[in-house]
Amino acid sequence: MPRKRKLYKILTPEPRSKFIKVRCPTCKNEQIVFSHATYPATCLMCGTKLVEPTGGKAKILAEIVRILE
């Protein structure tokens, strides 16, 4: 009897970080930020802090509109 070989799916690693479109809470300007930001991101229109970096994932202080792929 011939032996059956199991075919395994080859897994490719994907990054866990994403780009996120956020809306400023004060002036409602939409801006794209990185989910694992290492530098605080501010609004380009009014200067409000949108993202605060932590050790890994950044703390998002603005409203998330959508996650970009």
N, C-alpha and C. Protein backbone atom coordinates (compact mmCIF):
# COMPACT_ATOMS: atom_id res chain seq x y z
N MET A 1 0.82 -1.18 0.00
CA MET A 1 0.00 0.00 0.00
C MET A 1 0.87 1.25 0.00
N PRO A 2 0.57 2.23 -0.89
CA PRO A 2 1.35 3.47 -0.88
C PRO A 2 0.98 4.34 0.32
N ARG A 3 1.99 5.03 0.83
CA ARG A 3 1.76 5.90 1.98
C ARG A 3 1.18 7.22 1.52
N LYS A 4 0.25 7.72 2.29
CA LYS A 4 -0.32 9.03 1.98
C LYS A 4 0.52 10.11 2.65
N ARG A 5 0.82 11.14 1.90
CA ARG A 5 1.56 12.27 2.48
C ARG A 5 0.57 13.36 2.82
N LYS A 6 0.75 13.94 3.98
CA LYS A 6 -0.11 15.04 4.38
C LYS A 6 0.44 16.33 3.78
N LEU A 7 -0.43 17.09 3.17
CA LEU A 7 -0.02 18.38 2.63
C LEU A 7 -0.36 19.45 3.66
N TYR A 8 0.65 20.18 4.05
CA TYR A 8 0.46 21.23 5.04
C TYR A 8 0.43 22.58 4.35
N LYS A 9 -0.42 23.42 4.86
CA LYS A 9 -0.51 24.77 4.35
C LYS A 9 0.71 25.56 4.82
N ILE A 10 1.38 26.21 3.93
CA ILE A 10 2.54 27.01 4.28
C ILE A 10 2.06 28.35 4.81
N LEU A 11 2.38 28.64 6.06
CA LEU A 11 1.95 29.87 6.69
C LEU A 11 2.99 30.95 6.49
N THR A 12 2.55 32.12 6.09
CA THR A 12 3.46 33.25 5.94
C THR A 12 3.17 34.25 7.05
N PRO A 13 4.18 34.77 7.68
CA PRO A 13 3.95 35.73 8.75
C PRO A 13 3.41 37.05 8.21
N GLU A 14 2.45 37.62 8.91
CA GLU A 14 1.87 38.90 8.54
C GLU A 14 2.08 39.87 9.69
N PRO A 15 2.31 41.13 9.39
CA PRO A 15 2.52 42.10 10.47
C PRO A 15 1.23 42.35 11.24
N ARG A 16 1.36 42.61 12.52
CA ARG A 16 0.19 42.90 13.35
C ARG A 16 -0.13 44.39 13.38
N SER A 17 0.77 45.20 12.89
CA SER A 17 0.55 46.64 12.89
C SER A 17 -0.26 47.05 11.67
N LYS A 18 -1.02 48.11 11.83
CA LYS A 18 -1.88 48.61 10.75
C LYS A 18 -1.81 50.13 10.71
N PHE A 19 -2.25 50.68 9.60
CA PHE A 19 -2.46 52.11 9.51
C PHE A 19 -3.93 52.36 9.84
N ILE A 20 -4.20 53.40 10.62
CA ILE A 20 -5.55 53.68 11.09
C ILE A 20 -5.92 55.10 10.72
N LYS A 21 -7.14 55.26 10.19
CA LYS A 21 -7.65 56.59 9.88
C LYS A 21 -8.43 57.06 11.10
N VAL A 22 -8.01 58.18 11.68
CA VAL A 22 -8.64 58.71 12.90
C VAL A 22 -9.20 60.10 12.64
N ARG A 23 -10.15 60.49 13.50
CA ARG A 23 -10.76 61.82 13.41
C ARG A 23 -10.43 62.60 14.68
N CYS A 24 -9.95 63.81 14.50
CA CYS A 24 -9.58 64.67 15.63
C CYS A 24 -10.84 65.02 16.43
N PRO A 25 -10.78 64.92 17.77
CA PRO A 25 -11.98 65.22 18.57
C PRO A 25 -12.34 66.70 18.61
N THR A 26 -11.40 67.60 18.34
CA THR A 26 -11.71 69.03 18.43
C THR A 26 -12.11 69.64 17.09
N CYS A 27 -11.36 69.36 16.03
CA CYS A 27 -11.64 70.03 14.75
C CYS A 27 -12.22 69.08 13.70
N LYS A 28 -12.38 67.80 14.00
CA LYS A 28 -12.97 66.79 13.11
C LYS A 28 -12.16 66.55 11.84
N ASN A 29 -10.88 66.88 11.85
CA ASN A 29 -10.00 66.61 10.72
C ASN A 29 -9.63 65.13 10.74
N GLU A 30 -9.65 64.47 9.57
CA GLU A 30 -9.27 63.06 9.49
C GLU A 30 -7.82 62.94 9.07
N GLN A 31 -7.13 62.00 9.71
CA GLN A 31 -5.69 61.84 9.48
C GLN A 31 -5.33 60.37 9.62
N ILE A 32 -4.31 59.92 8.92
CA ILE A 32 -3.87 58.53 8.97
C ILE A 32 -2.67 58.44 9.91
N VAL A 33 -2.75 57.50 10.88
CA VAL A 33 -1.67 57.28 11.85
C VAL A 33 -1.32 55.80 11.87
N PHE A 34 -0.18 55.47 12.47
CA PHE A 34 0.30 54.10 12.57
C PHE A 34 -0.09 53.52 13.92
N SER A 35 -0.53 52.26 13.94
CA SER A 35 -1.01 51.66 15.19
C SER A 35 0.09 51.43 16.21
N HIS A 36 1.33 51.26 15.77
CA HIS A 36 2.46 51.05 16.67
C HIS A 36 3.41 52.25 16.61
N ALA A 37 2.85 53.43 16.71
CA ALA A 37 3.64 54.66 16.60
C ALA A 37 4.65 54.77 17.74
N THR A 38 5.84 55.24 17.43
CA THR A 38 6.87 55.44 18.45
C THR A 38 7.08 56.91 18.77
N TYR A 39 6.35 57.77 18.08
CA TYR A 39 6.47 59.21 18.28
C TYR A 39 5.05 59.77 18.36
N PRO A 40 4.76 60.69 19.28
CA PRO A 40 3.39 61.20 19.41
C PRO A 40 2.94 61.93 18.14
N ALA A 41 1.78 61.56 17.63
CA ALA A 41 1.23 62.19 16.44
C ALA A 41 0.22 63.24 16.86
N THR A 42 0.31 64.42 16.24
CA THR A 42 -0.62 65.50 16.54
C THR A 42 -1.42 65.84 15.29
N CYS A 43 -2.55 66.50 15.49
CA CYS A 43 -3.40 66.93 14.39
C CYS A 43 -2.68 68.02 13.60
N LEU A 44 -2.75 67.93 12.29
CA LEU A 44 -2.08 68.90 11.45
C LEU A 44 -2.79 70.26 11.44
N MET A 45 -4.08 70.27 11.77
CA MET A 45 -4.85 71.51 11.74
C MET A 45 -4.79 72.27 13.08
N CYS A 46 -5.05 71.56 14.19
CA CYS A 46 -5.16 72.26 15.47
C CYS A 46 -4.06 71.91 16.47
N GLY A 47 -3.31 70.83 16.25
CA GLY A 47 -2.21 70.47 17.14
C GLY A 47 -2.59 69.59 18.31
N THR A 48 -3.81 69.08 18.34
CA THR A 48 -4.24 68.18 19.41
C THR A 48 -3.53 66.84 19.29
N LYS A 49 -3.14 66.26 20.42
CA LYS A 49 -2.44 64.97 20.40
C LYS A 49 -3.43 63.86 20.02
N LEU A 50 -3.11 63.10 18.97
CA LEU A 50 -3.98 62.02 18.49
C LEU A 50 -3.50 60.65 18.95
N VAL A 51 -2.18 60.47 19.02
CA VAL A 51 -1.60 59.17 19.36
C VAL A 51 -0.50 59.37 20.40
N GLU A 52 -0.54 58.54 21.44
CA GLU A 52 0.47 58.58 22.48
C GLU A 52 1.22 57.25 22.47
N PRO A 53 2.53 57.25 22.24
CA PRO A 53 3.27 55.99 22.16
C PRO A 53 3.40 55.32 23.53
N THR A 54 3.37 53.99 23.51
CA THR A 54 3.62 53.20 24.71
C THR A 54 4.75 52.24 24.34
N GLY A 55 4.91 51.16 25.07
CA GLY A 55 5.98 50.23 24.76
C GLY A 55 5.79 49.51 23.44
N GLY A 56 4.55 49.14 23.10
CA GLY A 56 4.29 48.42 21.86
C GLY A 56 3.26 49.17 21.04
N LYS A 57 2.00 48.79 21.23
CA LYS A 57 0.92 49.49 20.52
C LYS A 57 0.77 50.90 21.07
N ALA A 58 0.43 51.82 20.19
CA ALA A 58 0.24 53.19 20.62
C ALA A 58 -1.17 53.37 21.19
N LYS A 59 -1.31 54.27 22.14
CA LYS A 59 -2.62 54.59 22.71
C LYS A 59 -3.26 55.64 21.81
N ILE A 60 -4.40 55.30 21.22
CA ILE A 60 -5.07 56.21 20.29
C ILE A 60 -6.07 57.04 21.06
N LEU A 61 -5.90 58.36 21.02
CA LEU A 61 -6.73 59.28 21.78
C LEU A 61 -7.86 59.86 20.94
N ALA A 62 -7.84 59.62 19.65
CA ALA A 62 -8.86 60.16 18.75
C ALA A 62 -9.87 59.06 18.39
N GLU A 63 -10.91 59.47 17.68
CA GLU A 63 -11.94 58.52 17.24
C GLU A 63 -11.45 57.76 16.02
N ILE A 64 -11.55 56.43 16.04
CA ILE A 64 -11.12 55.62 14.91
C ILE A 64 -12.21 55.60 13.85
N VAL A 65 -11.87 56.02 12.63
CA VAL A 65 -12.83 56.03 11.54
C VAL A 65 -12.83 54.65 10.86
N ARG A 66 -11.63 54.18 10.48
CA ARG A 66 -11.51 52.84 9.89
C ARG A 66 -10.07 52.39 9.94
N ILE A 67 -9.89 51.07 9.80
CA ILE A 67 -8.55 50.48 9.78
C ILE A 67 -8.22 50.17 8.33
N LEU A 68 -7.09 50.70 7.88
CA LEU A 68 -6.68 50.52 6.49
C LEU A 68 -5.88 49.23 6.36
N GLU A 69 -6.06 48.56 5.24
CA GLU A 69 -5.36 47.28 5.02
C GLU A 69 -4.23 47.45 4.04
